């Protein structure tokens, strides 16, 4: 398996699109720099999810490893879980 293929395989195994985007960017510090947010905002996103106004910038920061659709699907699945509970 090539290095790029290994990364994509690993990114898909990560629990959330946000985590995959952070990994694709090279870690939290680089992700924060690319998206232009504070560490506090990232902590909030980890708890509450990525605001839809930031989906484009998260997808761009991931270099294509995460899409806007991935983030939207995560939001929809979390909403469905809340409705069931």
N, C-alpha and C. Protein backbone atom coordinates (compact mmCIF):
# COMPACT_ATOMS: atom_id res chain seq x y z
N UNK A 1 0.86 -1.18 0.00
CA UNK A 1 0.00 0.00 0.00
C UNK A 1 0.90 1.24 0.00
N UNK A 2 0.58 2.21 -0.86
CA UNK A 2 1.38 3.42 -0.91
C UNK A 2 1.09 4.28 0.31
N UNK A 3 1.98 5.24 0.54
CA UNK A 3 1.81 6.12 1.70
C UNK A 3 0.49 6.90 1.63
N UNK A 4 0.14 7.40 0.44
CA UNK A 4 -1.12 8.12 0.27
C UNK A 4 -2.31 7.22 0.54
N UNK A 5 -2.26 6.00 0.05
CA UNK A 5 -3.35 5.06 0.28
C UNK A 5 -3.46 4.72 1.76
N UNK A 6 -2.32 4.58 2.43
CA UNK A 6 -2.34 4.32 3.87
C UNK A 6 -3.02 5.45 4.62
N UNK A 7 -2.69 6.70 4.25
CA UNK A 7 -3.31 7.84 4.91
C UNK A 7 -4.82 7.83 4.71
N UNK A 8 -5.27 7.63 3.47
CA UNK A 8 -6.71 7.63 3.19
C UNK A 8 -7.42 6.52 3.95
N UNK A 9 -6.79 5.35 4.01
CA UNK A 9 -7.37 4.25 4.78
C UNK A 9 -7.50 4.64 6.25
N UNK A 10 -6.43 5.22 6.81
CA UNK A 10 -6.45 5.64 8.21
C UNK A 10 -7.50 6.74 8.44
N UNK A 11 -7.58 7.70 7.52
CA UNK A 11 -8.53 8.81 7.68
C UNK A 11 -9.96 8.30 7.70
N UNK A 12 -10.24 7.27 6.91
CA UNK A 12 -11.61 6.73 6.88
C UNK A 12 -11.94 5.97 8.17
N UNK A 13 -10.94 5.49 8.87
CA UNK A 13 -11.16 4.74 10.09
C UNK A 13 -11.36 5.66 11.30
N UNK A 14 -11.07 6.94 11.15
CA UNK A 14 -11.21 7.89 12.24
C UNK A 14 -12.70 8.13 12.48
N UNK A 15 -13.06 8.38 13.71
CA UNK A 15 -14.46 8.43 14.12
C UNK A 15 -15.28 9.55 13.48
N UNK A 16 -14.71 10.68 13.19
CA UNK A 16 -15.51 11.79 12.67
C UNK A 16 -14.81 12.51 11.53
N UNK A 17 -15.59 13.19 10.69
CA UNK A 17 -14.97 13.98 9.63
C UNK A 17 -14.03 15.06 10.18
N UNK A 18 -14.37 15.64 11.32
CA UNK A 18 -13.50 16.65 11.92
C UNK A 18 -12.15 16.04 12.26
N UNK A 19 -12.15 14.88 12.89
CA UNK A 19 -10.89 14.21 13.23
C UNK A 19 -10.11 13.86 11.97
N UNK A 20 -10.80 13.43 10.92
CA UNK A 20 -10.13 13.11 9.67
C UNK A 20 -9.51 14.37 9.05
N UNK A 21 -10.21 15.49 9.13
CA UNK A 21 -9.70 16.75 8.59
C UNK A 21 -8.46 17.21 9.35
N UNK A 22 -8.50 17.06 10.67
CA UNK A 22 -7.35 17.43 11.50
C UNK A 22 -6.14 16.57 11.14
N UNK A 23 -6.37 15.27 11.00
CA UNK A 23 -5.28 14.36 10.63
C UNK A 23 -4.73 14.71 9.24
N UNK A 24 -5.62 15.00 8.30
CA UNK A 24 -5.19 15.33 6.94
C UNK A 24 -4.38 16.62 6.90
N UNK A 25 -4.72 17.55 7.77
CA UNK A 25 -4.00 18.83 7.82
C UNK A 25 -2.63 18.69 8.47
N UNK A 26 -2.41 17.60 9.19
CA UNK A 26 -1.12 17.39 9.84
C UNK A 26 -1.15 17.65 11.33
N UNK A 27 -2.33 17.71 11.90
CA UNK A 27 -2.47 17.91 13.34
C UNK A 27 -3.29 19.15 13.67
N UNK A 28 -3.61 19.28 14.94
CA UNK A 28 -4.48 20.35 15.40
C UNK A 28 -3.93 21.74 15.11
N UNK A 29 -2.65 21.97 15.37
CA UNK A 29 -2.08 23.31 15.19
C UNK A 29 -2.17 23.75 13.73
N UNK A 30 -1.84 22.86 12.81
CA UNK A 30 -1.90 23.20 11.39
C UNK A 30 -3.35 23.37 10.93
N UNK A 31 -4.23 22.53 11.43
CA UNK A 31 -5.65 22.66 11.09
C UNK A 31 -6.19 24.02 11.54
N UNK A 32 -5.88 24.39 12.77
CA UNK A 32 -6.32 25.68 13.31
C UNK A 32 -5.79 26.83 12.45
N UNK A 33 -4.55 26.74 12.04
CA UNK A 33 -3.96 27.78 11.20
C UNK A 33 -4.65 27.85 9.84
N UNK A 34 -4.88 26.69 9.23
CA UNK A 34 -5.50 26.67 7.89
C UNK A 34 -6.93 27.19 7.91
N UNK A 35 -7.68 26.83 8.94
CA UNK A 35 -9.10 27.23 9.00
C UNK A 35 -9.25 28.64 9.55
N UNK A 36 -8.26 29.10 10.33
CA UNK A 36 -8.31 30.45 10.88
C UNK A 36 -9.19 30.56 12.10
N UNK A 37 -9.09 29.56 12.98
CA UNK A 37 -9.88 29.56 14.21
C UNK A 37 -8.95 29.51 15.42
N UNK A 38 -9.53 29.66 16.59
CA UNK A 38 -8.76 29.58 17.83
C UNK A 38 -8.80 28.14 18.37
N UNK A 39 -7.86 27.80 19.24
CA UNK A 39 -7.92 26.48 19.88
C UNK A 39 -9.24 26.28 20.65
N UNK A 40 -9.76 27.34 21.21
CA UNK A 40 -11.04 27.25 21.93
C UNK A 40 -12.18 26.88 20.98
N UNK A 41 -12.16 27.46 19.77
CA UNK A 41 -13.19 27.11 18.78
C UNK A 41 -13.09 25.64 18.40
N UNK A 42 -11.87 25.15 18.20
CA UNK A 42 -11.71 23.73 17.87
C UNK A 42 -12.25 22.85 18.99
N UNK A 43 -11.97 23.21 20.21
CA UNK A 43 -12.50 22.42 21.35
C UNK A 43 -14.02 22.41 21.33
N UNK A 44 -14.61 23.54 21.02
CA UNK A 44 -16.07 23.63 20.93
C UNK A 44 -16.61 22.76 19.79
N UNK A 45 -15.92 22.80 18.65
CA UNK A 45 -16.35 22.00 17.50
C UNK A 45 -16.28 20.52 17.82
N UNK A 46 -15.29 20.12 18.60
CA UNK A 46 -15.17 18.70 18.95
C UNK A 46 -16.36 18.25 19.79
N UNK A 47 -16.90 19.14 20.59
CA UNK A 47 -18.07 18.81 21.42
C UNK A 47 -19.38 18.95 20.68
N UNK A 48 -19.52 20.04 19.91
CA UNK A 48 -20.81 20.40 19.33
C UNK A 48 -20.92 20.18 17.83
N UNK A 49 -19.81 19.92 17.18
CA UNK A 49 -19.82 19.77 15.73
C UNK A 49 -19.36 21.04 15.04
N UNK A 50 -19.02 20.89 13.78
CA UNK A 50 -18.55 22.01 12.97
C UNK A 50 -19.75 22.82 12.51
N UNK A 51 -19.73 24.14 12.72
CA UNK A 51 -20.83 24.97 12.23
C UNK A 51 -20.91 24.89 10.70
N UNK A 52 -22.11 24.87 10.17
CA UNK A 52 -22.25 24.73 8.72
C UNK A 52 -21.59 25.87 7.94
N UNK A 53 -21.42 27.02 8.56
CA UNK A 53 -20.75 28.14 7.90
C UNK A 53 -19.26 27.88 7.71
N UNK A 54 -18.72 26.84 8.36
CA UNK A 54 -17.29 26.53 8.28
C UNK A 54 -17.00 25.24 7.52
N UNK A 55 -18.02 24.57 7.01
CA UNK A 55 -17.82 23.30 6.32
C UNK A 55 -16.86 23.44 5.13
N UNK A 56 -17.01 24.51 4.33
CA UNK A 56 -16.14 24.72 3.17
C UNK A 56 -14.68 24.83 3.60
N UNK A 57 -14.42 25.61 4.64
CA UNK A 57 -13.03 25.82 5.06
C UNK A 57 -12.44 24.54 5.67
N UNK A 58 -13.25 23.75 6.34
CA UNK A 58 -12.77 22.47 6.89
C UNK A 58 -12.42 21.52 5.74
N UNK A 59 -13.28 21.45 4.74
CA UNK A 59 -13.02 20.59 3.59
C UNK A 59 -11.73 21.04 2.88
N UNK A 60 -11.56 22.34 2.71
CA UNK A 60 -10.35 22.86 2.06
C UNK A 60 -9.11 22.56 2.89
N UNK A 61 -9.20 22.73 4.19
CA UNK A 61 -8.05 22.47 5.07
C UNK A 61 -7.64 21.01 5.05
N UNK A 62 -8.59 20.13 4.75
CA UNK A 62 -8.28 18.69 4.72
C UNK A 62 -7.64 18.26 3.41
N UNK A 63 -7.57 19.16 2.45
CA UNK A 63 -6.98 18.82 1.17
C UNK A 63 -7.77 17.78 0.40
N UNK A 64 -9.06 17.71 0.65
CA UNK A 64 -9.91 16.75 -0.06
C UNK A 64 -10.19 15.47 0.69
N UNK A 65 -9.57 15.27 1.84
CA UNK A 65 -9.81 14.05 2.62
C UNK A 65 -11.21 14.04 3.21
N UNK A 66 -11.78 15.23 3.44
CA UNK A 66 -13.12 15.37 4.00
C UNK A 66 -13.89 16.31 3.08
N UNK A 67 -15.13 15.97 2.79
CA UNK A 67 -15.96 16.82 1.94
C UNK A 67 -17.05 17.50 2.76
N UNK A 68 -17.66 18.51 2.16
CA UNK A 68 -18.80 19.17 2.78
C UNK A 68 -19.91 18.13 3.03
N UNK A 69 -20.06 17.21 2.11
CA UNK A 69 -21.08 16.15 2.26
C UNK A 69 -20.81 15.29 3.50
N UNK A 70 -19.53 14.99 3.76
CA UNK A 70 -19.17 14.21 4.96
C UNK A 70 -19.64 14.93 6.22
N UNK A 71 -19.39 16.23 6.26
CA UNK A 71 -19.78 17.03 7.43
C UNK A 71 -21.28 17.12 7.56
N UNK A 72 -21.99 17.26 6.43
CA UNK A 72 -23.45 17.33 6.45
C UNK A 72 -24.05 16.00 6.91
N UNK A 73 -23.48 14.89 6.44
CA UNK A 73 -23.98 13.58 6.86
C UNK A 73 -23.79 13.36 8.35
N UNK A 74 -22.65 13.82 8.86
CA UNK A 74 -22.42 13.69 10.31
C UNK A 74 -23.48 14.47 11.08
N UNK A 75 -23.76 15.69 10.64
CA UNK A 75 -24.78 16.51 11.30
C UNK A 75 -26.14 15.81 11.26
N UNK A 76 -26.51 15.28 10.10
CA UNK A 76 -27.79 14.61 9.95
C UNK A 76 -27.89 13.37 10.83
N UNK A 77 -26.80 12.61 10.92
CA UNK A 77 -26.82 11.40 11.75
C UNK A 77 -26.92 11.74 13.23
N UNK A 78 -26.26 12.82 13.65
CA UNK A 78 -26.37 13.23 15.05
C UNK A 78 -27.77 13.71 15.36
N UNK A 79 -28.40 14.41 14.43
CA UNK A 79 -29.77 14.90 14.62
C UNK A 79 -30.74 13.72 14.73
N UNK A 80 -30.51 12.71 13.93
CA UNK A 80 -31.36 11.52 13.97
C UNK A 80 -31.24 10.80 15.31
N UNK A 81 -30.02 10.76 15.85
CA UNK A 81 -29.82 10.12 17.15
C UNK A 81 -30.54 10.88 18.25
N UNK A 82 -30.55 12.20 18.18
CA UNK A 82 -31.22 13.02 19.18
C UNK A 82 -32.72 12.78 19.12
N UNK A 83 -33.28 12.65 17.92
CA UNK A 83 -34.71 12.41 17.76
C UNK A 83 -35.11 11.07 18.34
N UNK A 84 -34.26 10.07 18.23
CA UNK A 84 -34.56 8.73 18.74
C UNK A 84 -34.50 8.72 20.26
N UNK A 85 -33.61 9.48 20.83
CA UNK A 85 -33.41 9.46 22.29
C UNK A 85 -34.52 10.10 23.06
